mmCIF file of all heavy atoms, coordinates in Angstrom:
data_MODEL
# 
_entry.id   MODEL 
# 
loop_
_atom_site.group_PDB 
_atom_site.id 
_atom_site.type_symbol 
_atom_site.label_atom_id 
_atom_site.label_alt_id 
_atom_site.label_comp_id 
_atom_site.label_asym_id 
_atom_site.label_entity_id 
_atom_site.label_seq_id 
_atom_site.pdbx_PDB_ins_code 
_atom_site.Cartn_x 
_atom_site.Cartn_y 
_atom_site.Cartn_z 
_atom_site.occupancy 
_atom_site.B_iso_or_equiv 
_atom_site.pdbx_formal_charge 
_atom_site.auth_seq_id 
_atom_site.auth_comp_id 
_atom_site.auth_asym_id 
_atom_site.auth_atom_id 
_atom_site.pdbx_PDB_model_num 
ATOM 1   N N   . ARG A 1 1  ? -8.330  -2.255 13.316  1.00 0.00 ? 1  ARG A N   1 
ATOM 2   C CA  . ARG A 1 1  ? -7.744  -0.965 13.690  1.00 0.00 ? 1  ARG A CA  1 
ATOM 3   C C   . ARG A 1 1  ? -6.217  -1.066 13.757  1.00 0.00 ? 1  ARG A C   1 
ATOM 4   O O   . ARG A 1 1  ? -5.564  -0.492 14.615  1.00 0.00 ? 1  ARG A O   1 
ATOM 5   C CB  . ARG A 1 1  ? -8.342  -0.434 14.990  1.00 0.00 ? 1  ARG A CB  1 
ATOM 6   C CG  . ARG A 1 1  ? -9.854  -0.221 14.869  1.00 0.00 ? 1  ARG A CG  1 
ATOM 7   C CD  . ARG A 1 1  ? -10.470 0.493  16.041  1.00 0.00 ? 1  ARG A CD  1 
ATOM 8   N NE  . ARG A 1 1  ? -10.046 1.860  16.191  1.00 0.00 ? 1  ARG A NE  1 
ATOM 9   C CZ  . ARG A 1 1  ? -10.502 2.907  15.486  1.00 0.00 ? 1  ARG A CZ  1 
ATOM 10  N NH1 . ARG A 1 1  ? -11.387 2.740  14.563  1.00 0.00 ? 1  ARG A NH1 1 
ATOM 11  N NH2 . ARG A 1 1  ? -10.066 4.125  15.736  1.00 0.00 ? 1  ARG A NH2 1 
ATOM 12  N N   . ASP A 1 2  ? -5.661  -1.809 12.803  1.00 0.00 ? 2  ASP A N   1 
ATOM 13  C CA  . ASP A 1 2  ? -4.217  -2.034 12.724  1.00 0.00 ? 2  ASP A CA  1 
ATOM 14  C C   . ASP A 1 2  ? -3.598  -0.982 11.812  1.00 0.00 ? 2  ASP A C   1 
ATOM 15  O O   . ASP A 1 2  ? -3.308  -1.229 10.642  1.00 0.00 ? 2  ASP A O   1 
ATOM 16  C CB  . ASP A 1 2  ? -3.947  -3.445 12.203  1.00 0.00 ? 2  ASP A CB  1 
ATOM 17  C CG  . ASP A 1 2  ? -2.463  -3.798 12.205  1.00 0.00 ? 2  ASP A CG  1 
ATOM 18  O OD1 . ASP A 1 2  ? -1.617  -2.903 12.429  1.00 0.00 ? 2  ASP A OD1 1 
ATOM 19  O OD2 . ASP A 1 2  ? -2.157  -4.976 11.963  1.00 0.00 ? 2  ASP A OD2 1 
ATOM 20  N N   . ARG A 1 3  ? -3.365  0.195  12.363  1.00 0.00 ? 3  ARG A N   1 
ATOM 21  C CA  . ARG A 1 3  ? -2.828  1.310  11.587  1.00 0.00 ? 3  ARG A CA  1 
ATOM 22  C C   . ARG A 1 3  ? -1.438  0.984  11.045  1.00 0.00 ? 3  ARG A C   1 
ATOM 23  O O   . ARG A 1 3  ? -1.130  1.260  9.891   1.00 0.00 ? 3  ARG A O   1 
ATOM 24  C CB  . ARG A 1 3  ? -2.785  2.562  12.458  1.00 0.00 ? 3  ARG A CB  1 
ATOM 25  C CG  . ARG A 1 3  ? -2.335  3.791  11.720  1.00 0.00 ? 3  ARG A CG  1 
ATOM 26  C CD  . ARG A 1 3  ? -2.219  4.986  12.666  1.00 0.00 ? 3  ARG A CD  1 
ATOM 27  N NE  . ARG A 1 3  ? -1.941  6.187  11.911  1.00 0.00 ? 3  ARG A NE  1 
ATOM 28  C CZ  . ARG A 1 3  ? -0.778  6.459  11.333  1.00 0.00 ? 3  ARG A CZ  1 
ATOM 29  N NH1 . ARG A 1 3  ? 0.217   5.611  11.413  1.00 0.00 ? 3  ARG A NH1 1 
ATOM 30  N NH2 . ARG A 1 3  ? -0.616  7.581  10.667  1.00 0.00 ? 3  ARG A NH2 1 
ATOM 31  N N   . ALA A 1 4  ? -0.603  0.389  11.873  1.00 0.00 ? 4  ALA A N   1 
ATOM 32  C CA  . ALA A 1 4  ? 0.765   0.062  11.442  1.00 0.00 ? 4  ALA A CA  1 
ATOM 33  C C   . ALA A 1 4  ? 0.737   -0.924 10.276  1.00 0.00 ? 4  ALA A C   1 
ATOM 34  O O   . ALA A 1 4  ? 1.513   -0.790 9.326   1.00 0.00 ? 4  ALA A O   1 
ATOM 35  C CB  . ALA A 1 4  ? 1.567   -0.502 12.606  1.00 0.00 ? 4  ALA A CB  1 
ATOM 36  N N   . GLY A 1 5  ? -0.140  -1.907 10.339  1.00 0.00 ? 5  GLY A N   1 
ATOM 37  C CA  . GLY A 1 5  ? -0.258  -2.866 9.252   1.00 0.00 ? 5  GLY A CA  1 
ATOM 38  C C   . GLY A 1 5  ? -0.700  -2.214 7.953   1.00 0.00 ? 5  GLY A C   1 
ATOM 39  O O   . GLY A 1 5  ? -0.215  -2.561 6.870   1.00 0.00 ? 5  GLY A O   1 
ATOM 40  N N   . LEU A 1 6  ? -1.618  -1.262 8.055   1.00 0.00 ? 6  LEU A N   1 
ATOM 41  C CA  . LEU A 1 6  ? -2.080  -0.544 6.864   1.00 0.00 ? 6  LEU A CA  1 
ATOM 42  C C   . LEU A 1 6  ? -0.962  0.277  6.234   1.00 0.00 ? 6  LEU A C   1 
ATOM 43  O O   . LEU A 1 6  ? -0.796  0.283  5.015   1.00 0.00 ? 6  LEU A O   1 
ATOM 44  C CB  . LEU A 1 6  ? -3.268  0.353  7.212   1.00 0.00 ? 6  LEU A CB  1 
ATOM 45  C CG  . LEU A 1 6  ? -4.585  -0.376 7.449   1.00 0.00 ? 6  LEU A CG  1 
ATOM 46  C CD1 . LEU A 1 6  ? -5.557  0.501  8.206   1.00 0.00 ? 6  LEU A CD1 1 
ATOM 47  C CD2 . LEU A 1 6  ? -5.168  -0.834 6.118   1.00 0.00 ? 6  LEU A CD2 1 
ATOM 48  N N   . ILE A 1 7  ? -0.202  0.971  7.065   1.00 0.00 ? 7  ILE A N   1 
ATOM 49  C CA  . ILE A 1 7  ? 0.908   1.785  6.549   1.00 0.00 ? 7  ILE A CA  1 
ATOM 50  C C   . ILE A 1 7  ? 1.969   0.885  5.934   1.00 0.00 ? 7  ILE A C   1 
ATOM 51  O O   . ILE A 1 7  ? 2.517   1.190  4.861   1.00 0.00 ? 7  ILE A O   1 
ATOM 52  C CB  . ILE A 1 7  ? 1.500   2.680  7.660   1.00 0.00 ? 7  ILE A CB  1 
ATOM 53  C CG1 . ILE A 1 7  ? 0.445   3.690  8.145   1.00 0.00 ? 7  ILE A CG1 1 
ATOM 54  C CG2 . ILE A 1 7  ? 2.754   3.394  7.180   1.00 0.00 ? 7  ILE A CG2 1 
ATOM 55  C CD1 . ILE A 1 7  ? -0.103  4.601  7.067   1.00 0.00 ? 7  ILE A CD1 1 
ATOM 56  N N   . GLN A 1 8  ? 2.251   -0.249 6.570   1.00 0.00 ? 8  GLN A N   1 
ATOM 57  C CA  . GLN A 1 8  ? 3.236   -1.183 6.019   1.00 0.00 ? 8  GLN A CA  1 
ATOM 58  C C   . GLN A 1 8  ? 2.764   -1.722 4.669   1.00 0.00 ? 8  GLN A C   1 
ATOM 59  O O   . GLN A 1 8  ? 3.536   -1.789 3.711   1.00 0.00 ? 8  GLN A O   1 
ATOM 60  C CB  . GLN A 1 8  ? 3.471   -2.326 6.995   1.00 0.00 ? 8  GLN A CB  1 
ATOM 61  C CG  . GLN A 1 8  ? 4.520   -3.301 6.515   1.00 0.00 ? 8  GLN A CG  1 
ATOM 62  C CD  . GLN A 1 8  ? 4.764   -4.413 7.517   1.00 0.00 ? 8  GLN A CD  1 
ATOM 63  O OE1 . GLN A 1 8  ? 3.979   -4.630 8.432   1.00 0.00 ? 8  GLN A OE1 1 
ATOM 64  N NE2 . GLN A 1 8  ? 5.865   -5.119 7.348   1.00 0.00 ? 8  GLN A NE2 1 
ATOM 65  N N   . LEU A 1 9  ? 1.490   -2.091 4.576   1.00 0.00 ? 9  LEU A N   1 
ATOM 66  C CA  . LEU A 1 9  ? 0.954   -2.581 3.313   1.00 0.00 ? 9  LEU A CA  1 
ATOM 67  C C   . LEU A 1 9  ? 1.033   -1.489 2.244   1.00 0.00 ? 9  LEU A C   1 
ATOM 68  O O   . LEU A 1 9  ? 1.420   -1.753 1.101   1.00 0.00 ? 9  LEU A O   1 
ATOM 69  C CB  . LEU A 1 9  ? -0.491  -3.056 3.491   1.00 0.00 ? 9  LEU A CB  1 
ATOM 70  C CG  . LEU A 1 9  ? -1.197  -3.577 2.240   1.00 0.00 ? 9  LEU A CG  1 
ATOM 71  C CD1 . LEU A 1 9  ? -0.437  -4.752 1.627   1.00 0.00 ? 9  LEU A CD1 1 
ATOM 72  C CD2 . LEU A 1 9  ? -2.627  -3.963 2.573   1.00 0.00 ? 9  LEU A CD2 1 
ATOM 73  N N   . ALA A 1 10 ? 0.685   -0.266 2.597   1.00 0.00 ? 10 ALA A N   1 
ATOM 74  C CA  . ALA A 1 10 ? 0.761   0.848  1.638   1.00 0.00 ? 10 ALA A CA  1 
ATOM 75  C C   . ALA A 1 10 ? 2.194   1.047  1.145   1.00 0.00 ? 10 ALA A C   1 
ATOM 76  O O   . ALA A 1 10 ? 2.419   1.264  -0.047  1.00 0.00 ? 10 ALA A O   1 
ATOM 77  C CB  . ALA A 1 10 ? 0.222   2.128  2.269   1.00 0.00 ? 10 ALA A CB  1 
ATOM 78  N N   . ASP A 1 11 ? 3.160   0.956  2.063   1.00 0.00 ? 11 ASP A N   1 
ATOM 79  C CA  . ASP A 1 11 ? 4.561   1.115  1.669   1.00 0.00 ? 11 ASP A CA  1 
ATOM 80  C C   . ASP A 1 11 ? 4.999   0.012  0.710   1.00 0.00 ? 11 ASP A C   1 
ATOM 81  O O   . ASP A 1 11 ? 5.712   0.272  -0.260  1.00 0.00 ? 11 ASP A O   1 
ATOM 82  C CB  . ASP A 1 11 ? 5.467   1.132  2.903   1.00 0.00 ? 11 ASP A CB  1 
ATOM 83  C CG  . ASP A 1 11 ? 5.314   2.405  3.731   1.00 0.00 ? 11 ASP A CG  1 
ATOM 84  O OD1 . ASP A 1 11 ? 4.730   3.392  3.216   1.00 0.00 ? 11 ASP A OD1 1 
ATOM 85  O OD2 . ASP A 1 11 ? 5.759   2.399  4.891   1.00 0.00 ? 11 ASP A OD2 1 
ATOM 86  N N   . VAL A 1 12 ? 4.576   -1.217 0.972   1.00 0.00 ? 12 VAL A N   1 
ATOM 87  C CA  . VAL A 1 12 ? 4.914   -2.333 0.078   1.00 0.00 ? 12 VAL A CA  1 
ATOM 88  C C   . VAL A 1 12 ? 4.271   -2.107 -1.286  1.00 0.00 ? 12 VAL A C   1 
ATOM 89  O O   . VAL A 1 12 ? 4.906   -2.285 -2.335  1.00 0.00 ? 12 VAL A O   1 
ATOM 90  C CB  . VAL A 1 12 ? 4.459   -3.680 0.685   1.00 0.00 ? 12 VAL A CB  1 
ATOM 91  C CG1 . VAL A 1 12 ? 4.524   -4.795 -0.342  1.00 0.00 ? 12 VAL A CG1 1 
ATOM 92  C CG2 . VAL A 1 12 ? 5.306   -4.018 1.909   1.00 0.00 ? 12 VAL A CG2 1 
ATOM 93  N N   . LEU A 1 13 ? 3.013   -1.703 -1.293  1.00 0.00 ? 13 LEU A N   1 
ATOM 94  C CA  . LEU A 1 13 ? 2.313   -1.481 -2.557  1.00 0.00 ? 13 LEU A CA  1 
ATOM 95  C C   . LEU A 1 13 ? 2.930   -0.327 -3.343  1.00 0.00 ? 13 LEU A C   1 
ATOM 96  O O   . LEU A 1 13 ? 2.927   -0.337 -4.573  1.00 0.00 ? 13 LEU A O   1 
ATOM 97  C CB  . LEU A 1 13 ? 0.827   -1.226 -2.303  1.00 0.00 ? 13 LEU A CB  1 
ATOM 98  C CG  . LEU A 1 13 ? 0.043   -2.451 -1.821  1.00 0.00 ? 13 LEU A CG  1 
ATOM 99  C CD1 . LEU A 1 13 ? -1.310  -2.038 -1.278  1.00 0.00 ? 13 LEU A CD1 1 
ATOM 100 C CD2 . LEU A 1 13 ? -0.092  -3.475 -2.928  1.00 0.00 ? 13 LEU A CD2 1 
ATOM 101 N N   . ASP A 1 14 ? 3.460   0.668  -2.639  1.00 0.00 ? 14 ASP A N   1 
ATOM 102 C CA  . ASP A 1 14 ? 4.139   1.779  -3.318  1.00 0.00 ? 14 ASP A CA  1 
ATOM 103 C C   . ASP A 1 14 ? 5.330   1.291  -4.138  1.00 0.00 ? 14 ASP A C   1 
ATOM 104 O O   . ASP A 1 14 ? 5.697   1.912  -5.129  1.00 0.00 ? 14 ASP A O   1 
ATOM 105 C CB  . ASP A 1 14 ? 4.616   2.829  -2.306  1.00 0.00 ? 14 ASP A CB  1 
ATOM 106 C CG  . ASP A 1 14 ? 3.504   3.761  -1.867  1.00 0.00 ? 14 ASP A CG  1 
ATOM 107 O OD1 . ASP A 1 14 ? 2.486   3.863  -2.585  1.00 0.00 ? 14 ASP A OD1 1 
ATOM 108 O OD2 . ASP A 1 14 ? 3.655   4.381  -0.801  1.00 0.00 ? 14 ASP A OD2 1 
ATOM 109 N N   . GLY A 1 15 ? 5.915   0.174  -3.720  1.00 0.00 ? 15 GLY A N   1 
ATOM 110 C CA  . GLY A 1 15 ? 7.057   -0.374 -4.439  1.00 0.00 ? 15 GLY A CA  1 
ATOM 111 C C   . GLY A 1 15 ? 6.680   -1.137 -5.692  1.00 0.00 ? 15 GLY A C   1 
ATOM 112 O O   . GLY A 1 15 ? 7.544   -1.482 -6.502  1.00 0.00 ? 15 GLY A O   1 
ATOM 113 N N   . ARG A 1 16 ? 5.406   -1.401 -5.857  1.00 0.00 ? 16 ARG A N   1 
ATOM 114 C CA  . ARG A 1 16 ? 4.935   -2.108 -7.057  1.00 0.00 ? 16 ARG A CA  1 
ATOM 115 C C   . ARG A 1 16 ? 4.663   -1.072 -8.140  1.00 0.00 ? 16 ARG A C   1 
ATOM 116 O O   . ARG A 1 16 ? 4.308   0.068  -7.861  1.00 0.00 ? 16 ARG A O   1 
ATOM 117 C CB  . ARG A 1 16 ? 3.646   -2.882 -6.764  1.00 0.00 ? 16 ARG A CB  1 
ATOM 118 C CG  . ARG A 1 16 ? 3.739   -3.843 -5.614  1.00 0.00 ? 16 ARG A CG  1 
ATOM 119 C CD  . ARG A 1 16 ? 4.445   -5.124 -6.052  1.00 0.00 ? 16 ARG A CD  1 
ATOM 120 N NE  . ARG A 1 16 ? 4.771   -5.985 -4.951  1.00 0.00 ? 16 ARG A NE  1 
ATOM 121 C CZ  . ARG A 1 16 ? 4.041   -6.998 -4.550  1.00 0.00 ? 16 ARG A CZ  1 
ATOM 122 N NH1 . ARG A 1 16 ? 2.906   -7.270 -5.136  1.00 0.00 ? 16 ARG A NH1 1 
ATOM 123 N NH2 . ARG A 1 16 ? 4.445   -7.737 -3.546  1.00 0.00 ? 16 ARG A NH2 1 
ATOM 124 N N   . HIS A 1 17 ? 4.793   -1.466 -9.380  1.00 0.00 ? 17 HIS A N   1 
ATOM 125 C CA  . HIS A 1 17 ? 4.645   -0.511 -10.475 1.00 0.00 ? 17 HIS A CA  1 
ATOM 126 C C   . HIS A 1 17 ? 3.416   -0.805 -11.325 1.00 0.00 ? 17 HIS A C   1 
ATOM 127 O O   . HIS A 1 17 ? 3.492   -0.873 -12.544 1.00 0.00 ? 17 HIS A O   1 
ATOM 128 C CB  . HIS A 1 17 ? 5.912   -0.508 -11.342 1.00 0.00 ? 17 HIS A CB  1 
ATOM 129 C CG  . HIS A 1 17 ? 7.127   -0.130 -10.548 1.00 0.00 ? 17 HIS A CG  1 
ATOM 130 N ND1 . HIS A 1 17 ? 7.333   1.138  -10.066 1.00 0.00 ? 17 HIS A ND1 1 
ATOM 131 C CD2 . HIS A 1 17 ? 8.171   -0.867 -10.117 1.00 0.00 ? 17 HIS A CD2 1 
ATOM 132 C CE1 . HIS A 1 17 ? 8.468   1.175  -9.388  1.00 0.00 ? 17 HIS A CE1 1 
ATOM 133 N NE2 . HIS A 1 17 ? 8.995   -0.032 -9.397  1.00 0.00 ? 17 HIS A NE2 1 
ATOM 134 N N   . THR A 1 18 ? 2.281   -0.963 -10.665 1.00 0.00 ? 18 THR A N   1 
ATOM 135 C CA  . THR A 1 18 ? 1.030   -1.176 -11.391 1.00 0.00 ? 18 THR A CA  1 
ATOM 136 C C   . THR A 1 18 ? 0.023   -0.131 -10.936 1.00 0.00 ? 18 THR A C   1 
ATOM 137 O O   . THR A 1 18 ? 0.125   0.420  -9.840  1.00 0.00 ? 18 THR A O   1 
ATOM 138 C CB  . THR A 1 18 ? 0.441   -2.575 -11.139 1.00 0.00 ? 18 THR A CB  1 
ATOM 139 O OG1 . THR A 1 18 ? 0.029   -2.658 -9.768  1.00 0.00 ? 18 THR A OG1 1 
ATOM 140 C CG2 . THR A 1 18 ? 1.452   -3.675 -11.435 1.00 0.00 ? 18 THR A CG2 1 
ATOM 141 N N   . HIS A 1 19 ? -0.951  0.120  -11.780 1.00 0.00 ? 19 HIS A N   1 
ATOM 142 C CA  . HIS A 1 19 ? -1.999  1.072  -11.426 1.00 0.00 ? 19 HIS A CA  1 
ATOM 143 C C   . HIS A 1 19 ? -2.762  0.587  -10.198 1.00 0.00 ? 19 HIS A C   1 
ATOM 144 O O   . HIS A 1 19 ? -3.077  1.365  -9.304  1.00 0.00 ? 19 HIS A O   1 
ATOM 145 C CB  . HIS A 1 19 ? -2.957  1.277  -12.604 1.00 0.00 ? 19 HIS A CB  1 
ATOM 146 C CG  . HIS A 1 19 ? -4.122  2.139  -12.261 1.00 0.00 ? 19 HIS A CG  1 
ATOM 147 N ND1 . HIS A 1 19 ? -3.996  3.490  -12.053 1.00 0.00 ? 19 HIS A ND1 1 
ATOM 148 C CD2 . HIS A 1 19 ? -5.431  1.833  -12.047 1.00 0.00 ? 19 HIS A CD2 1 
ATOM 149 C CE1 . HIS A 1 19 ? -5.180  3.999  -11.737 1.00 0.00 ? 19 HIS A CE1 1 
ATOM 150 N NE2 . HIS A 1 19 ? -6.066  3.003  -11.734 1.00 0.00 ? 19 HIS A NE2 1 
ATOM 151 N N   . ASP A 1 20 ? -3.063  -0.708 -10.160 1.00 0.00 ? 20 ASP A N   1 
ATOM 152 C CA  . ASP A 1 20 ? -3.788  -1.262 -9.021  1.00 0.00 ? 20 ASP A CA  1 
ATOM 153 C C   . ASP A 1 20 ? -3.026  -1.049 -7.713  1.00 0.00 ? 20 ASP A C   1 
ATOM 154 O O   . ASP A 1 20 ? -3.628  -0.762 -6.677  1.00 0.00 ? 20 ASP A O   1 
ATOM 155 C CB  . ASP A 1 20 ? -4.060  -2.755 -9.215  1.00 0.00 ? 20 ASP A CB  1 
ATOM 156 C CG  . ASP A 1 20 ? -5.111  -3.024 -10.278 1.00 0.00 ? 20 ASP A CG  1 
ATOM 157 O OD1 . ASP A 1 20 ? -5.864  -2.092 -10.631 1.00 0.00 ? 20 ASP A OD1 1 
ATOM 158 O OD2 . ASP A 1 20 ? -5.188  -4.177 -10.749 1.00 0.00 ? 20 ASP A OD2 1 
ATOM 159 N N   . ALA A 1 21 ? -1.712  -1.201 -7.759  1.00 0.00 ? 21 ALA A N   1 
ATOM 160 C CA  . ALA A 1 21 ? -0.913  -1.035 -6.546  1.00 0.00 ? 21 ALA A CA  1 
ATOM 161 C C   . ALA A 1 21 ? -1.013  0.394  -6.017  1.00 0.00 ? 21 ALA A C   1 
ATOM 162 O O   . ALA A 1 21 ? -1.153  0.603  -4.814  1.00 0.00 ? 21 ALA A O   1 
ATOM 163 C CB  . ALA A 1 21 ? 0.541   -1.406 -6.808  1.00 0.00 ? 21 ALA A CB  1 
ATOM 164 N N   . ARG A 1 22 ? -0.961  1.365  -6.903  1.00 0.00 ? 22 ARG A N   1 
ATOM 165 C CA  . ARG A 1 22 ? -1.088  2.768  -6.466  1.00 0.00 ? 22 ARG A CA  1 
ATOM 166 C C   . ARG A 1 22 ? -2.465  3.014  -5.857  1.00 0.00 ? 22 ARG A C   1 
ATOM 167 O O   . ARG A 1 22 ? -2.594  3.689  -4.839  1.00 0.00 ? 22 ARG A O   1 
ATOM 168 C CB  . ARG A 1 22 ? -0.819  3.706  -7.629  1.00 0.00 ? 22 ARG A CB  1 
ATOM 169 C CG  . ARG A 1 22 ? 0.649   3.787  -8.027  1.00 0.00 ? 22 ARG A CG  1 
ATOM 170 C CD  . ARG A 1 22 ? 0.922   4.906  -9.029  1.00 0.00 ? 22 ARG A CD  1 
ATOM 171 N NE  . ARG A 1 22 ? 0.189   4.721  -10.279 1.00 0.00 ? 22 ARG A NE  1 
ATOM 172 C CZ  . ARG A 1 22 ? 0.632   4.011  -11.326 1.00 0.00 ? 22 ARG A CZ  1 
ATOM 173 N NH1 . ARG A 1 22 ? 1.811   3.427  -11.263 1.00 0.00 ? 22 ARG A NH1 1 
ATOM 174 N NH2 . ARG A 1 22 ? -0.082  3.912  -12.422 1.00 0.00 ? 22 ARG A NH2 1 
ATOM 175 N N   . THR A 1 23 ? -3.493  2.472  -6.495  1.00 0.00 ? 23 THR A N   1 
ATOM 176 C CA  . THR A 1 23 ? -4.858  2.629  -5.990  1.00 0.00 ? 23 THR A CA  1 
ATOM 177 C C   . THR A 1 23 ? -5.004  1.971  -4.625  1.00 0.00 ? 23 THR A C   1 
ATOM 178 O O   . THR A 1 23 ? -5.576  2.556  -3.697  1.00 0.00 ? 23 THR A O   1 
ATOM 179 C CB  . THR A 1 23 ? -5.864  2.011  -6.984  1.00 0.00 ? 23 THR A CB  1 
ATOM 180 O OG1 . THR A 1 23 ? -5.730  2.671  -8.238  1.00 0.00 ? 23 THR A OG1 1 
ATOM 181 C CG2 . THR A 1 23 ? -7.285  2.138  -6.490  1.00 0.00 ? 23 THR A CG2 1 
ATOM 182 N N   . LEU A 1 24 ? -4.480  0.755  -4.502  1.00 0.00 ? 24 LEU A N   1 
ATOM 183 C CA  . LEU A 1 24 ? -4.567  0.034  -3.234  1.00 0.00 ? 24 LEU A CA  1 
ATOM 184 C C   . LEU A 1 24 ? -3.771  0.734  -2.130  1.00 0.00 ? 24 LEU A C   1 
ATOM 185 O O   . LEU A 1 24 ? -4.214  0.788  -0.983  1.00 0.00 ? 24 LEU A O   1 
ATOM 186 C CB  . LEU A 1 24 ? -4.082  -1.402 -3.418  1.00 0.00 ? 24 LEU A CB  1 
ATOM 187 C CG  . LEU A 1 24 ? -5.008  -2.301 -4.231  1.00 0.00 ? 24 LEU A CG  1 
ATOM 188 C CD1 . LEU A 1 24 ? -4.270  -3.551 -4.669  1.00 0.00 ? 24 LEU A CD1 1 
ATOM 189 C CD2 . LEU A 1 24 ? -6.262  -2.638 -3.448  1.00 0.00 ? 24 LEU A CD2 1 
ATOM 190 N N   . ALA A 1 25 ? -2.601  1.265  -2.456  1.00 0.00 ? 25 ALA A N   1 
ATOM 191 C CA  . ALA A 1 25 ? -1.803  1.991  -1.465  1.00 0.00 ? 25 ALA A CA  1 
ATOM 192 C C   . ALA A 1 25 ? -2.580  3.201  -0.953  1.00 0.00 ? 25 ALA A C   1 
ATOM 193 O O   . ALA A 1 25 ? -2.593  3.480  0.250   1.00 0.00 ? 25 ALA A O   1 
ATOM 194 C CB  . ALA A 1 25 ? -0.471  2.420  -2.064  1.00 0.00 ? 25 ALA A CB  1 
ATOM 195 N N   . ALA A 1 26 ? -3.253  3.912  -1.848  1.00 0.00 ? 26 ALA A N   1 
ATOM 196 C CA  . ALA A 1 26 ? -4.074  5.061  -1.439  1.00 0.00 ? 26 ALA A CA  1 
ATOM 197 C C   . ALA A 1 26 ? -5.225  4.605  -0.548  1.00 0.00 ? 26 ALA A C   1 
ATOM 198 O O   . ALA A 1 26 ? -5.552  5.269  0.449   1.00 0.00 ? 26 ALA A O   1 
ATOM 199 C CB  . ALA A 1 26 ? -4.595  5.800  -2.670  1.00 0.00 ? 26 ALA A CB  1 
# 
């Protein structure tokens, strides 16, 4: 239940330019 960790991971993944990164961020 680490909401902050999830948002941080999503933000990092948003900086990647791969299809997988966008999917994982979502």
